[in-house]
Amino acid sequence: MKSSRENSRGADNQQERPDKQNWLSKIPEHIGWYLSGFCDGEGSFNASLRKRKDHKIGWQIVITFNVAQRDVSNLKLLQNQLGCGRLQARRDGVHYFVVTDYKLILERVVPFFLKFELQSKDKKLNFTLFKEIATMMNRGEHLKDKGFQKIVELREMLNKGKGRTRKYNKLDVLVNQESSETIRQTLAVKTRSHIEKI
């Protein structure tokens, strides 16, 4: 049987462990809907590709939720209510609120927009695709060929329309993977040939 001292320690530990959804219920309704509308207009859900030689697939996927504005006050309010993310400033005076950790995106950003739903059709679609990518990454699917390819397909549908610029697209991934496969096949043939000669 636990002593009263051990029981009090256990109670302290429970208080230190915040309820993952408790923070959401503390956001006042009018603030939540205000921030959702603000993000509907100024926010962005993105997935970018980076070439990485140290990754098995040769690519890294980075997902980002960000909001940009010259006036930093709404961004600070958003950061405070979500309890995550960082603020950045550009030289031209534009400020950004940014969240890139997919675990925090799933724990904070996704629940927020599930409760305080976005209203515009395009932003709703982008959020749905973004949420699916984050969920796949959380399951580790981005580290396997099949999952990675599916994420690249989902990414192609994100932020469709004029003004979308990307350093790498689906074609770059396919070309890169095909050339890697060619190299692998060439090495395999050379290895077999070398073994046969021995």
Protein backbone atom coordinates (compact mmCIF):
# COMPACT_ATOMS: atom_id res chain seq x y z
CA MET A 1 0.00 0.00 0.00
CA LYS A 2 1.29 3.47 -0.96
CA SER A 3 2.07 5.99 1.76
CA SER A 4 0.34 9.38 1.77
CA ARG A 5 3.68 10.88 0.70
CA GLU A 6 3.86 8.59 -2.38
CA ASN A 7 0.23 9.37 -3.19
CA SER A 8 0.90 13.10 -3.03
CA ARG A 9 3.90 12.63 -5.33
CA GLY A 10 1.69 10.77 -7.79
CA ALA A 11 -0.86 13.58 -7.68
CA ASP A 12 1.89 16.14 -8.34
CA ASN A 13 3.09 14.16 -11.36
CA GLN A 14 -0.44 14.03 -12.75
CA GLN A 15 -0.76 17.80 -12.39
CA GLU A 16 2.55 18.30 -14.19
CA ARG A 17 1.33 16.20 -17.13
CA PRO A 18 -1.01 18.52 -19.07
CA ASP A 19 -4.07 17.01 -20.73
CA LYS A 20 -3.36 17.09 -24.47
CA GLN A 21 -6.85 18.43 -25.29
CA ASN A 22 -7.41 20.52 -22.14
CA TRP A 23 -5.68 23.57 -23.67
CA LEU A 24 -8.27 23.61 -26.47
CA SER A 25 -11.22 23.94 -24.10
CA LYS A 26 -9.53 26.97 -22.50
CA ILE A 27 -9.58 28.99 -25.73
CA PRO A 28 -12.52 31.44 -25.54
CA GLU A 29 -14.99 30.76 -28.38
CA HIS A 30 -14.85 34.32 -29.76
CA ILE A 31 -11.01 34.23 -29.80
CA GLY A 32 -10.94 30.79 -31.45
CA TRP A 33 -13.31 31.81 -34.23
CA TYR A 34 -11.52 35.13 -34.68
CA LEU A 35 -8.14 33.38 -35.10
CA SER A 36 -9.64 30.76 -37.41
CA GLY A 37 -11.01 33.51 -39.67
CA PHE A 38 -7.68 35.31 -39.52
CA CYS A 39 -5.84 32.11 -40.56
CA ASP A 40 -8.43 31.45 -43.28
CA GLY A 41 -7.27 34.65 -44.92
CA GLU A 42 -3.60 34.87 -43.97
CA GLY A 43 -2.54 31.30 -43.12
CA SER A 44 -0.86 28.68 -45.25
CA PHE A 45 -0.44 24.90 -45.08
CA ASN A 46 2.67 23.73 -46.93
CA ALA A 47 4.77 20.65 -47.63
CA SER A 48 8.24 21.13 -49.08
CA LEU A 49 10.82 18.72 -50.44
CA ARG A 50 14.53 18.89 -49.67
CA LYS A 51 17.22 16.77 -51.29
CA ARG A 52 19.07 14.81 -48.62
CA LYS A 53 21.91 12.39 -49.36
CA ASP A 54 21.76 11.10 -45.78
CA HIS A 55 18.13 9.94 -46.21
CA LYS A 56 17.40 6.47 -47.59
CA ILE A 57 14.89 7.82 -50.12
CA GLY A 58 17.11 10.82 -50.93
CA TRP A 59 14.44 13.35 -49.92
CA GLN A 60 13.16 14.96 -46.76
CA ILE A 61 9.58 16.18 -46.42
CA VAL A 62 9.04 19.26 -44.25
CA ILE A 63 5.50 20.38 -43.44
CA THR A 64 4.78 23.90 -42.26
CA PHE A 65 1.81 25.84 -40.98
CA ASN A 66 2.52 29.55 -41.17
CA VAL A 67 0.75 32.88 -41.00
CA ALA A 68 2.27 36.13 -42.25
CA GLN A 69 1.39 39.71 -41.35
CA ARG A 70 3.06 43.06 -40.74
CA ASP A 71 1.23 43.56 -37.43
CA VAL A 72 2.66 40.98 -35.04
CA SER A 73 -0.15 41.24 -32.44
CA ASN A 74 -2.45 38.58 -34.00
CA LEU A 75 0.52 36.28 -34.51
CA LYS A 76 1.43 36.56 -30.82
CA LEU A 77 -2.18 35.85 -29.89
CA LEU A 78 -2.19 32.76 -32.14
CA GLN A 79 1.09 31.51 -30.67
CA ASN A 80 -0.24 32.06 -27.16
CA GLN A 81 -3.52 30.21 -27.79
CA LEU A 82 -1.92 27.27 -29.63
CA GLY A 83 0.94 27.04 -27.15
CA CYS A 84 3.51 26.25 -29.85
CA GLY A 85 5.34 27.65 -32.85
CA ARG A 86 7.83 30.45 -33.26
CA LEU A 87 7.76 34.03 -34.49
CA GLN A 88 10.09 35.23 -37.23
CA ALA A 89 10.63 38.61 -38.84
CA ARG A 90 11.80 39.55 -42.33
CA ARG A 91 13.85 42.62 -43.12
CA ASP A 92 10.89 44.21 -44.90
CA GLY A 93 8.85 44.24 -41.68
CA VAL A 94 6.66 41.18 -42.35
CA HIS A 95 6.32 38.82 -39.38
CA TYR A 96 5.63 35.08 -39.47
CA PHE A 97 4.13 32.59 -37.06
CA VAL A 98 5.56 29.16 -37.97
CA VAL A 99 5.03 25.55 -36.84
CA THR A 100 7.13 22.85 -38.55
CA ASP A 101 7.17 19.96 -36.06
CA TYR A 102 4.63 17.45 -37.40
CA LYS A 103 3.95 16.13 -33.89
CA LEU A 104 3.02 19.62 -32.67
CA ILE A 105 1.00 20.13 -35.84
CA LEU A 106 -1.02 17.01 -34.97
CA GLU A 107 -1.29 17.89 -31.27
CA ARG A 108 -2.06 21.60 -31.61
CA VAL A 109 -2.75 22.93 -35.11
CA VAL A 110 -5.01 20.11 -36.34
CA PRO A 111 -7.26 19.96 -33.23
CA PHE A 112 -7.61 23.76 -33.30
CA PHE A 113 -8.92 23.76 -36.89
CA LEU A 114 -11.10 20.72 -36.27
CA LYS A 115 -12.85 22.69 -33.52
CA PHE A 116 -12.74 26.13 -35.16
CA GLU A 117 -13.30 25.10 -38.77
CA LEU A 118 -11.95 27.07 -41.69
CA GLN A 119 -14.71 28.43 -43.92
CA SER A 120 -13.21 28.92 -47.39
CA LYS A 121 -13.39 25.94 -49.74
CA ASP A 122 -9.74 26.10 -50.85
CA LYS A 123 -8.35 26.49 -47.33
CA LYS A 124 -10.51 23.59 -46.08
CA LEU A 125 -9.11 21.37 -48.85
CA ASN A 126 -5.53 22.43 -48.09
CA PHE A 127 -6.06 21.72 -44.39
CA THR A 128 -7.49 18.24 -45.14
CA LEU A 129 -4.52 17.34 -47.37
CA PHE A 130 -2.07 18.80 -44.85
CA LYS A 131 -3.65 16.81 -42.00
CA GLU A 132 -3.37 13.60 -44.03
CA ILE A 133 0.31 14.24 -44.77
CA ALA A 134 1.03 14.99 -41.09
CA THR A 135 -0.78 11.80 -40.03
CA MET A 136 1.21 9.71 -42.52
CA MET A 137 4.46 11.24 -41.29
CA ASN A 138 3.51 10.49 -37.70
CA ARG A 139 3.12 6.82 -38.72
CA GLY A 140 6.56 6.89 -40.38
CA GLU A 141 5.15 6.35 -43.87
CA HIS A 142 7.26 9.17 -45.33
CA LEU A 143 10.34 7.00 -44.74
CA LYS A 144 9.15 4.25 -47.11
CA ASP A 145 8.91 4.45 -50.90
CA LYS A 146 5.17 3.82 -51.15
CA GLY A 147 4.24 6.29 -48.40
CA PHE A 148 6.65 8.89 -49.70
CA GLN A 149 5.15 8.65 -53.21
CA LYS A 150 1.64 9.07 -51.79
CA ILE A 151 2.71 12.17 -49.86
CA VAL A 152 4.25 13.63 -53.02
CA GLU A 153 0.91 13.04 -54.81
CA LEU A 154 -1.00 14.75 -51.97
CA ARG A 155 1.49 17.62 -52.04
CA GLU A 156 0.75 18.19 -55.73
CA MET A 157 -2.85 19.06 -54.76
CA LEU A 158 -1.82 21.51 -52.01
CA ASN A 159 -2.19 25.23 -52.77
CA LYS A 160 -3.14 24.76 -56.41
CA GLY A 161 -3.45 27.83 -58.57
CA LYS A 162 -1.58 30.92 -59.63
CA GLY A 163 1.42 32.05 -57.66
CA ARG A 164 2.44 28.63 -56.37
CA THR A 165 6.20 28.28 -56.68
CA ARG A 166 8.22 25.24 -55.72
CA LYS A 167 11.88 24.40 -55.88
CA TYR A 168 11.11 20.71 -56.48
CA ASN A 169 8.02 19.05 -57.88
CA LYS A 170 6.78 15.52 -58.55
CA LEU A 171 8.82 15.23 -61.76
CA ASP A 172 12.06 16.09 -59.92
CA VAL A 173 11.36 13.28 -57.45
CA LEU A 174 10.63 10.75 -60.21
CA VAL A 175 13.75 11.69 -62.19
CA ASN A 176 15.89 11.54 -59.06
CA GLN A 177 14.49 8.17 -58.00
CA GLU A 178 14.81 6.72 -61.51
CA SER A 179 18.46 7.79 -61.73
CA SER A 180 19.08 6.31 -58.26
CA GLU A 181 17.45 3.05 -59.36
CA THR A 182 19.60 3.00 -62.52
CA ILE A 183 22.72 3.45 -60.39
CA ARG A 184 21.58 0.65 -58.05
CA GLN A 185 20.91 -1.69 -60.99
CA THR A 186 24.27 -0.86 -62.61
CA LEU A 187 26.08 -1.56 -59.32
CA ALA A 188 24.17 -4.84 -58.93
CA VAL A 189 25.18 -5.96 -62.46
CA LYS A 190 28.82 -5.01 -61.85
CA THR A 191 28.81 -6.86 -58.51
CA ARG A 192 27.33 -10.02 -60.09
CA SER A 193 29.88 -9.83 -62.91
CA HIS A 194 32.72 -9.43 -60.42
CA ILE A 195 31.49 -12.42 -58.35
CA GLU A 196 31.22 -14.60 -61.47
CA LYS A 197 34.84 -13.81 -62.37
CA ILE A 198 36.09 -14.91 -58.94
